[in-house]
Amino acid sequence: MSSSDLDRRGATSENEGFLGRAQLERIRDDAVLLLMSRAGVVDFDALVACVSEGRFTAATDVFPDEPLAADHPARELDGLLLSPHRAGGMQEAFLEIGRLAVADLELIARGLPPVACKRAERETAGRLRSRPVERS
């Protein structure tokens, strides 16, 4: 599967872990890996292991489970820069998000309910994750 296939199709059950330990070990020691979309195509545990072993450094703004668990080893790992899922965003979109948030805060300050920003529902959040939400 080529990288252009990943761009068109996104993360699927067919390409999950496409970049595994063997592929990650081929990265040069002085390289920096940037993971900025489709976390599911990378074996994240293998990525964390390679960085912890000093094989290369990396930065990511996507994670197999979002948000990344507070106790996940990646949070304390030297050589791995974590970012809050912002790569590829357009300035106009970030400004609009800010305007929506401020408009809702003004409503809340007047005792009214927010209209633009909604509480994340489990069902919706589950569809937007790299891995499906475990149902109990």
N, C-alpha and C. Protein backbone atom coordinates (compact mmCIF):
# COMPACT_ATOMS: atom_id res chain seq x y z
N MET A 1 0.85 -1.17 0.00
CA MET A 1 0.00 0.00 0.00
C MET A 1 0.90 1.24 0.00
N SER A 2 0.62 2.16 -0.87
CA SER A 2 1.42 3.38 -0.96
C SER A 2 0.89 4.44 -0.02
N SER A 3 1.72 5.48 0.21
CA SER A 3 1.27 6.57 1.07
C SER A 3 0.08 7.30 0.46
N SER A 4 -0.01 7.32 -0.89
CA SER A 4 -1.16 7.99 -1.50
C SER A 4 -2.45 7.20 -1.22
N ASP A 5 -2.36 5.87 -1.11
CA ASP A 5 -3.53 5.07 -0.73
C ASP A 5 -3.98 5.46 0.67
N LEU A 6 -3.02 5.68 1.59
CA LEU A 6 -3.37 6.07 2.95
C LEU A 6 -4.04 7.43 2.95
N ASP A 7 -3.57 8.35 2.10
CA ASP A 7 -4.17 9.67 2.04
C ASP A 7 -5.63 9.60 1.61
N ARG A 8 -5.93 8.74 0.65
CA ARG A 8 -7.30 8.64 0.14
C ARG A 8 -8.21 7.85 1.07
N ARG A 9 -7.71 6.79 1.68
CA ARG A 9 -8.57 5.89 2.42
C ARG A 9 -8.55 6.12 3.92
N GLY A 10 -7.52 6.70 4.44
CA GLY A 10 -7.43 6.87 5.88
C GLY A 10 -7.10 5.57 6.58
N ALA A 11 -7.23 5.58 7.89
CA ALA A 11 -6.92 4.40 8.69
C ALA A 11 -8.07 3.41 8.60
N THR A 12 -7.75 2.17 8.26
CA THR A 12 -8.74 1.12 8.15
C THR A 12 -8.24 -0.13 8.85
N SER A 13 -9.08 -1.13 8.97
CA SER A 13 -8.64 -2.39 9.56
C SER A 13 -7.57 -3.05 8.68
N GLU A 14 -7.56 -2.73 7.39
CA GLU A 14 -6.57 -3.30 6.47
C GLU A 14 -5.17 -2.71 6.66
N ASN A 15 -5.08 -1.44 7.06
CA ASN A 15 -3.76 -0.82 7.17
C ASN A 15 -3.37 -0.50 8.62
N GLU A 16 -4.13 -0.97 9.58
CA GLU A 16 -3.77 -0.72 10.99
C GLU A 16 -2.40 -1.33 11.27
N GLY A 17 -1.54 -0.55 11.86
CA GLY A 17 -0.18 -1.01 12.17
C GLY A 17 0.70 -1.17 10.95
N PHE A 18 0.33 -0.53 9.83
CA PHE A 18 1.08 -0.61 8.57
C PHE A 18 2.57 -0.34 8.79
N LEU A 19 2.87 0.64 9.64
CA LEU A 19 4.26 0.91 10.02
C LEU A 19 4.49 0.24 11.37
N GLY A 20 5.03 -0.96 11.34
CA GLY A 20 5.30 -1.72 12.54
C GLY A 20 6.74 -1.59 12.98
N ARG A 21 7.11 -2.41 13.93
CA ARG A 21 8.46 -2.37 14.49
C ARG A 21 9.52 -2.52 13.38
N ALA A 22 9.33 -3.47 12.47
CA ALA A 22 10.33 -3.71 11.42
C ALA A 22 10.54 -2.47 10.56
N GLN A 23 9.46 -1.80 10.19
CA GLN A 23 9.58 -0.60 9.36
C GLN A 23 10.20 0.55 10.16
N LEU A 24 9.80 0.69 11.40
CA LEU A 24 10.34 1.77 12.24
C LEU A 24 11.83 1.58 12.51
N GLU A 25 12.28 0.35 12.60
CA GLU A 25 13.71 0.10 12.84
C GLU A 25 14.57 0.46 11.64
N ARG A 26 13.97 0.66 10.49
CA ARG A 26 14.72 1.06 9.30
C ARG A 26 15.01 2.55 9.28
N ILE A 27 14.39 3.31 10.18
CA ILE A 27 14.60 4.75 10.26
C ILE A 27 15.99 5.03 10.83
N ARG A 28 16.71 5.96 10.22
CA ARG A 28 18.06 6.30 10.69
C ARG A 28 18.03 6.85 12.10
N ASP A 29 19.11 6.62 12.84
CA ASP A 29 19.20 7.06 14.23
C ASP A 29 19.12 8.58 14.38
N ASP A 30 19.57 9.33 13.37
CA ASP A 30 19.56 10.78 13.48
C ASP A 30 18.30 11.40 12.88
N ALA A 31 17.32 10.57 12.55
CA ALA A 31 16.09 11.06 11.92
C ALA A 31 15.08 11.54 12.95
N VAL A 32 14.14 12.33 12.47
CA VAL A 32 13.00 12.74 13.27
C VAL A 32 11.75 12.30 12.51
N LEU A 33 10.92 11.50 13.15
CA LEU A 33 9.67 11.04 12.56
C LEU A 33 8.55 11.98 12.98
N LEU A 34 7.79 12.47 12.02
CA LEU A 34 6.63 13.32 12.31
C LEU A 34 5.37 12.53 11.97
N LEU A 35 4.55 12.28 12.98
CA LEU A 35 3.29 11.57 12.79
C LEU A 35 2.18 12.58 12.99
N MET A 36 1.53 12.97 11.87
CA MET A 36 0.56 14.06 11.96
C MET A 36 -0.82 13.68 11.44
N SER A 37 -1.03 12.45 11.11
CA SER A 37 -2.39 12.01 10.78
C SER A 37 -2.42 10.50 10.77
N ARG A 38 -3.60 9.98 10.98
CA ARG A 38 -3.83 8.54 10.88
C ARG A 38 -2.95 7.72 11.82
N ALA A 39 -3.12 7.97 13.11
CA ALA A 39 -2.33 7.26 14.12
C ALA A 39 -2.47 5.75 13.99
N GLY A 40 -3.61 5.29 13.53
CA GLY A 40 -3.86 3.87 13.44
C GLY A 40 -2.95 3.11 12.50
N VAL A 41 -2.32 3.80 11.55
CA VAL A 41 -1.44 3.10 10.61
C VAL A 41 -0.06 2.84 11.20
N VAL A 42 0.21 3.37 12.38
CA VAL A 42 1.49 3.17 13.05
C VAL A 42 1.27 2.32 14.29
N ASP A 43 2.14 1.35 14.48
CA ASP A 43 2.12 0.58 15.72
C ASP A 43 2.68 1.52 16.79
N PHE A 44 1.77 2.17 17.53
CA PHE A 44 2.18 3.22 18.46
C PHE A 44 3.09 2.69 19.57
N ASP A 45 2.83 1.48 20.05
CA ASP A 45 3.70 0.89 21.07
C ASP A 45 5.11 0.69 20.54
N ALA A 46 5.22 0.27 19.28
CA ALA A 46 6.54 0.10 18.66
C ALA A 46 7.22 1.46 18.48
N LEU A 47 6.45 2.47 18.11
CA LEU A 47 6.99 3.83 17.98
C LEU A 47 7.56 4.30 19.32
N VAL A 48 6.78 4.16 20.38
CA VAL A 48 7.24 4.57 21.71
C VAL A 48 8.48 3.79 22.11
N ALA A 49 8.50 2.50 21.83
CA ALA A 49 9.66 1.67 22.17
C ALA A 49 10.91 2.14 21.42
N CYS A 50 10.78 2.40 20.13
CA CYS A 50 11.93 2.84 19.33
C CYS A 50 12.47 4.17 19.84
N VAL A 51 11.58 5.10 20.17
CA VAL A 51 12.04 6.39 20.70
C VAL A 51 12.70 6.19 22.06
N SER A 52 12.12 5.37 22.90
CA SER A 52 12.69 5.16 24.24
C SER A 52 14.06 4.49 24.17
N GLU A 53 14.29 3.72 23.12
CA GLU A 53 15.59 3.07 22.91
C GLU A 53 16.59 4.02 22.26
N GLY A 54 16.15 5.22 21.91
CA GLY A 54 17.05 6.20 21.29
C GLY A 54 17.30 5.95 19.81
N ARG A 55 16.46 5.15 19.17
CA ARG A 55 16.66 4.85 17.75
C ARG A 55 16.48 6.10 16.89
N PHE A 56 15.52 6.96 17.25
CA PHE A 56 15.27 8.22 16.57
C PHE A 56 14.39 9.06 17.49
N THR A 57 14.18 10.31 17.11
CA THR A 57 13.26 11.15 17.85
C THR A 57 11.98 11.29 17.02
N ALA A 58 10.92 11.72 17.68
CA ALA A 58 9.64 11.80 16.97
C ALA A 58 8.76 12.89 17.56
N ALA A 59 7.80 13.31 16.77
CA ALA A 59 6.76 14.24 17.23
C ALA A 59 5.45 13.72 16.67
N THR A 60 4.39 13.82 17.47
CA THR A 60 3.08 13.37 17.01
C THR A 60 1.99 14.25 17.56
N ASP A 61 0.94 14.42 16.77
CA ASP A 61 -0.24 15.13 17.27
C ASP A 61 -1.47 14.24 17.14
N VAL A 62 -1.26 12.97 16.86
CA VAL A 62 -2.34 11.98 16.82
C VAL A 62 -1.93 10.78 17.64
N PHE A 63 -2.93 10.11 18.19
CA PHE A 63 -2.68 9.01 19.11
C PHE A 63 -3.71 7.92 18.85
N PRO A 64 -3.38 6.66 19.16
CA PRO A 64 -4.33 5.59 18.91
C PRO A 64 -5.61 5.75 19.73
N ASP A 65 -5.49 6.31 20.90
CA ASP A 65 -6.64 6.64 21.75
C ASP A 65 -6.48 8.08 22.17
N GLU A 66 -7.50 8.88 21.93
CA GLU A 66 -7.43 10.30 22.28
C GLU A 66 -8.52 10.64 23.28
N PRO A 67 -8.19 11.35 24.32
CA PRO A 67 -6.84 11.82 24.63
C PRO A 67 -5.96 10.67 25.09
N LEU A 68 -4.66 10.86 24.94
CA LEU A 68 -3.68 9.89 25.40
C LEU A 68 -3.80 9.77 26.92
N ALA A 69 -3.85 8.57 27.42
CA ALA A 69 -4.03 8.34 28.86
C ALA A 69 -2.98 9.11 29.66
N ALA A 70 -3.40 9.64 30.79
CA ALA A 70 -2.51 10.45 31.63
C ALA A 70 -1.28 9.67 32.07
N ASP A 71 -1.40 8.36 32.21
CA ASP A 71 -0.27 7.55 32.68
C ASP A 71 0.46 6.84 31.53
N HIS A 72 0.17 7.22 30.28
CA HIS A 72 0.82 6.57 29.14
C HIS A 72 2.31 6.90 29.15
N PRO A 73 3.18 5.91 28.93
CA PRO A 73 4.64 6.15 28.95
C PRO A 73 5.11 7.23 27.97
N ALA A 74 4.37 7.45 26.90
CA ALA A 74 4.78 8.46 25.91
C ALA A 74 4.81 9.85 26.52
N ARG A 75 4.01 10.09 27.55
CA ARG A 75 3.94 11.42 28.17
C ARG A 75 5.23 11.81 28.89
N GLU A 76 6.02 10.85 29.29
CA GLU A 76 7.26 11.12 30.04
C GLU A 76 8.50 10.84 29.22
N LEU A 77 8.35 10.59 27.96
CA LEU A 77 9.45 10.10 27.14
C LEU A 77 10.26 11.23 26.52
N ASP A 78 11.55 11.29 26.87
CA ASP A 78 12.45 12.22 26.19
C ASP A 78 12.57 11.76 24.74
N GLY A 79 12.58 12.69 23.83
CA GLY A 79 12.72 12.34 22.42
C GLY A 79 11.40 12.20 21.70
N LEU A 80 10.27 12.41 22.42
CA LEU A 80 8.96 12.35 21.78
C LEU A 80 8.18 13.60 22.15
N LEU A 81 7.91 14.42 21.16
CA LEU A 81 7.15 15.65 21.36
C LEU A 81 5.68 15.36 21.08
N LEU A 82 4.83 15.70 22.03
CA LEU A 82 3.39 15.48 21.89
C LEU A 82 2.71 16.82 21.65
N SER A 83 1.77 16.83 20.71
CA SER A 83 1.02 18.03 20.38
C SER A 83 -0.46 17.68 20.36
N PRO A 84 -1.34 18.65 20.62
CA PRO A 84 -2.77 18.37 20.74
C PRO A 84 -3.55 18.35 19.42
N HIS A 85 -3.21 17.45 18.51
CA HIS A 85 -3.98 17.21 17.29
C HIS A 85 -4.31 18.50 16.52
N ARG A 86 -3.26 19.25 16.18
CA ARG A 86 -3.47 20.52 15.49
C ARG A 86 -2.77 20.62 14.14
N ALA A 87 -1.97 19.65 13.78
CA ALA A 87 -1.25 19.73 12.51
C ALA A 87 -2.24 19.79 11.35
N GLY A 88 -1.92 20.56 10.37
CA GLY A 88 -2.76 20.64 9.19
C GLY A 88 -3.93 21.59 9.31
N GLY A 89 -4.14 22.13 10.49
CA GLY A 89 -5.24 23.07 10.66
C GLY A 89 -4.96 24.38 9.97
N MET A 90 -6.00 25.02 9.52
CA MET A 90 -5.85 26.31 8.85
C MET A 90 -6.13 27.43 9.84
N GLN A 91 -5.41 28.52 9.70
CA GLN A 91 -5.55 29.64 10.61
C GLN A 91 -7.01 30.11 10.69
N GLU A 92 -7.69 30.15 9.55
CA GLU A 92 -9.08 30.59 9.54
C GLU A 92 -9.96 29.68 10.41
N ALA A 93 -9.68 28.38 10.37
CA ALA A 93 -10.47 27.43 11.16
C ALA A 93 -10.22 27.65 12.65
N PHE A 94 -8.98 27.87 13.04
CA PHE A 94 -8.68 28.11 14.45
C PHE A 94 -9.33 29.41 14.93
N LEU A 95 -9.32 30.45 14.08
CA LEU A 95 -9.97 31.71 14.45
C LEU A 95 -11.48 31.52 14.61
N GLU A 96 -12.08 30.74 13.72
CA GLU A 96 -13.52 30.48 13.82
C GLU A 96 -13.84 29.69 15.09
N ILE A 97 -13.02 28.72 15.42
CA ILE A 97 -13.22 27.97 16.67
C ILE A 97 -13.18 28.93 17.85
N GLY A 98 -12.25 29.86 17.84
CA GLY A 98 -12.15 30.85 18.91
C GLY A 98 -13.40 31.72 18.99
N ARG A 99 -13.88 32.16 17.82
CA ARG A 99 -15.10 32.99 17.80
C ARG A 99 -16.30 32.21 18.35
N LEU A 100 -16.43 30.97 17.99
CA LEU A 100 -17.53 30.14 18.48
C LEU A 100 -17.46 29.95 20.00
N ALA A 101 -16.24 29.69 20.48
CA ALA A 101 -16.07 29.49 21.92
C ALA A 101 -16.41 30.76 22.69
N VAL A 102 -15.94 31.91 22.20
CA VAL A 102 -16.22 33.18 22.88
C VAL A 102 -17.72 33.48 22.84
N ALA A 103 -18.37 33.24 21.71
CA ALA A 103 -19.81 33.48 21.61
C ALA A 103 -20.57 32.62 22.63
N ASP A 104 -20.17 31.37 22.76
CA ASP A 104 -20.82 30.51 23.75
C ASP A 104 -20.53 30.96 25.17
N LEU A 105 -19.31 31.40 25.44
CA LEU A 105 -18.98 31.89 26.78
C LEU A 105 -19.83 33.11 27.14
N GLU A 106 -20.07 33.97 26.15
CA GLU A 106 -20.93 35.13 26.40
C GLU A 106 -22.35 34.69 26.74
N LEU A 107 -22.86 33.67 26.06
CA LEU A 107 -24.19 33.14 26.38
C LEU A 107 -24.22 32.56 27.79
N ILE A 108 -23.20 31.76 28.11
CA ILE A 108 -23.13 31.13 29.42
C ILE A 108 -23.07 32.19 30.51
N ALA A 109 -22.31 33.26 30.28
CA ALA A 109 -22.19 34.34 31.26
C ALA A 109 -23.54 35.03 31.51
N ARG A 110 -24.43 34.96 30.52
CA ARG A 110 -25.77 35.55 30.67
C ARG A 110 -26.80 34.52 31.15
N GLY A 111 -26.31 33.34 31.54
CA GLY A 111 -27.20 32.30 32.05
C GLY A 111 -27.92 31.51 30.97
N LEU A 112 -27.44 31.59 29.74
CA LEU A 112 -28.06 30.87 28.63
C LEU A 112 -27.21 29.66 28.24
N PRO A 113 -27.79 28.68 27.59
CA PRO A 113 -27.01 27.51 27.19
C PRO A 113 -26.15 27.82 25.95
N PRO A 114 -25.02 27.15 25.82
CA PRO A 114 -24.19 27.32 24.62
C PRO A 114 -24.90 26.75 23.40
N VAL A 115 -24.61 27.30 22.23
CA VAL A 115 -25.25 26.79 21.01
C VAL A 115 -24.24 26.22 20.01
N ALA A 116 -23.02 26.71 20.01
CA ALA A 116 -22.04 26.25 19.02
C ALA A 116 -21.21 25.08 19.53
N CYS A 117 -20.75 25.16 20.74
CA CYS A 117 -19.90 24.12 21.33
C CYS A 117 -20.80 23.15 22.07
N LYS A 118 -20.70 21.91 21.72
CA LYS A 118 -21.57 20.90 22.32
C LYS A 118 -20.73 19.93 23.15
N ARG A 119 -21.37 19.35 24.13
CA ARG A 119 -20.73 18.33 24.94
C ARG A 119 -20.51 17.10 24.07
N ALA A 120 -19.33 16.51 24.14
CA ALA A 120 -19.04 15.30 23.38
C ALA A 120 -19.85 14.14 23.94
N GLU A 121 -20.57 13.49 23.09
CA GLU A 121 -21.34 12.32 23.49
C GLU A 121 -20.50 11.08 23.21
N ARG A 122 -20.61 10.08 24.06
CA ARG A 122 -19.81 8.87 23.93
C ARG A 122 -19.94 8.26 22.52
N GLU A 123 -21.15 8.21 21.98
CA GLU A 123 -21.36 7.61 20.67
C GLU A 123 -20.63 8.38 19.57
N THR A 124 -20.68 9.70 19.65
CA THR A 124 -20.01 10.52 18.65
C THR A 124 -18.50 10.42 18.79
N ALA A 125 -18.00 10.56 20.01
CA ALA A 125 -16.57 10.48 20.23
C ALA A 125 -16.03 9.13 19.81
N GLY A 126 -16.79 8.08 20.03
CA GLY A 126 -16.36 6.74 19.64
C GLY A 126 -16.14 6.60 18.15
N ARG A 127 -16.94 7.28 17.35
CA ARG A 127 -16.78 7.21 15.90
C ARG A 127 -15.57 7.99 15.42
N LEU A 128 -15.09 8.95 16.20
CA LEU A 128 -14.00 9.81 15.77
C LEU A 128 -12.64 9.36 16.28
N ARG A 129 -12.59 8.26 16.97
CA ARG A 129 -11.33 7.76 17.52
C ARG A 129 -10.62 6.87 16.50
N SER A 130 -9.30 6.72 16.69
CA SER A 130 -8.54 5.83 15.84
C SER A 130 -8.92 4.37 16.10
N ARG A 131 -9.28 4.05 17.32
CA ARG A 131 -9.75 2.72 17.68
C ARG A 131 -11.16 2.85 18.23
N PRO A 132 -12.00 1.85 17.99
CA PRO A 132 -13.37 1.95 18.51
C PRO A 132 -13.41 1.94 20.03
N VAL A 133 -14.38 2.61 20.58
CA VAL A 133 -14.57 2.65 22.03
C VAL A 133 -15.02 1.27 22.49
N GLU A 134 -14.40 0.78 23.54
CA GLU A 134 -14.81 -0.49 24.14
C GLU A 134 -16.14 -0.30 24.84
N ARG A 135 -17.09 -1.12 24.53
CA ARG A 135 -18.41 -1.05 25.18
C ARG A 135 -18.43 -2.05 26.32
N SER A 136 -18.94 -1.62 27.48
CA SER A 136 -19.01 -2.55 28.60
C SER A 136 -20.45 -2.91 28.92
